[in-house]
Protein backbone atom coordinates (compact mmCIF):
# COMPACT_ATOMS: atom_id res chain seq x y z
CA MET A 1 111.87 22.75 7.63
CA THR A 2 112.75 25.01 10.50
CA TYR A 3 115.24 27.88 10.35
CA LEU A 4 117.70 26.02 12.50
CA SER A 5 117.69 22.96 10.26
CA ARG A 6 118.23 25.13 7.15
CA VAL A 7 121.17 26.84 8.80
CA ARG A 8 122.59 23.52 9.89
CA ALA A 9 122.19 22.04 6.34
CA TRP A 10 124.00 25.08 4.94
CA ALA A 11 126.78 25.24 7.49
CA LEU A 12 127.55 21.51 7.90
CA PRO A 13 129.31 21.09 4.47
CA LEU A 14 131.42 24.20 5.22
CA LEU A 15 132.74 22.89 8.52
CA PRO A 16 135.73 20.85 7.22
CA GLY A 17 137.05 23.77 5.19
CA LEU A 18 136.57 26.14 8.05
CA LEU A 19 138.39 23.87 10.51
CA LEU A 20 141.26 23.46 8.02
CA SER A 21 141.49 27.22 7.56
CA VAL A 22 141.63 27.73 11.32
CA MET A 23 144.33 25.08 11.69
CA VAL A 24 146.45 26.56 8.87
CA GLY A 25 146.03 30.04 10.39
CA ALA A 26 147.08 28.81 13.87
CA ALA A 27 150.10 26.99 12.40
CA ALA A 28 151.09 30.06 10.34
CA GLY A 29 150.80 32.23 13.45
CA PHE A 30 153.04 29.91 15.42
CA LEU A 31 155.68 29.68 12.68
CA GLY A 32 155.54 33.45 12.19
CA MET A 33 156.24 34.10 15.85
CA HIS A 34 158.80 31.33 16.10
CA TYR A 35 160.88 32.36 13.03
CA ASP A 36 160.02 36.10 13.32
CA ALA A 37 158.69 36.19 9.77
CA PRO A 38 155.43 37.41 8.25
CA VAL A 39 152.48 35.24 9.13
CA MET A 40 150.92 35.75 5.72
CA LEU A 41 153.97 34.15 4.07
CA PHE A 42 153.64 31.06 6.18
CA ALA A 43 149.90 30.99 5.53
CA LEU A 44 150.48 31.01 1.78
CA LEU A 45 153.15 28.40 1.99
CA LEU A 46 151.04 26.14 4.18
CA GLY A 47 148.06 26.58 1.89
CA ILE A 48 149.83 25.25 -1.17
CA ASP A 49 148.22 21.99 -2.16
CA GLU A 50 150.75 19.41 -3.22
CA ARG A 51 148.06 17.18 -4.62
CA GLN A 52 147.65 19.33 -7.73
CA PRO A 53 148.21 17.41 -10.93
CA SER A 54 151.69 17.80 -12.51
CA TRP A 55 150.33 17.43 -16.02
CA PRO A 56 147.99 20.40 -16.82
CA VAL A 57 146.61 19.71 -20.30
CA PRO A 58 145.33 22.69 -22.20
CA THR A 59 142.07 22.20 -24.12
CA THR A 60 140.91 24.01 -27.13
CA THR A 61 137.87 25.20 -25.26
CA LEU A 62 138.28 28.83 -24.28
CA ALA A 63 136.86 30.73 -21.35
CA GLY A 64 134.37 32.47 -23.65
CA GLY A 65 133.21 29.32 -25.22
CA SER A 66 133.57 30.86 -28.65
CA GLY A 67 135.97 28.24 -30.08
CA ARG A 68 138.52 30.86 -31.15
CA LYS A 69 142.21 30.25 -30.59
CA THR A 70 142.74 33.48 -28.64
CA GLY A 71 141.87 34.28 -25.04
CA MET A 72 142.41 32.36 -21.80
CA PRO A 73 142.46 28.60 -22.16
CA VAL A 74 140.58 26.37 -19.76
CA TRP A 75 142.83 23.82 -18.14
CA ARG A 76 141.74 20.33 -17.25
CA ALA A 77 143.61 17.64 -15.37
CA ALA A 78 144.04 14.47 -17.30
CA PRO A 79 146.59 11.76 -16.77
CA PRO A 80 149.21 11.38 -19.46
CA ALA A 81 148.46 8.76 -22.07
């Protein structure tokens, strides 16, 4: 496997996310200039993913995996029953 093919295999899966980031950045720049507002605000607002599940269900599994009831819970997305 040549160096170029390894770089291509590494970079090809990253291309859709990179293109999306460039598009959101360009749109945020345009909106920031048009409305005379901070570009970072529009970048954050445009980056909000509305496809997030609306039913976060906490599990009893904790971030440490210790099984205790204290600490930060791990959230999983499951459809309501």
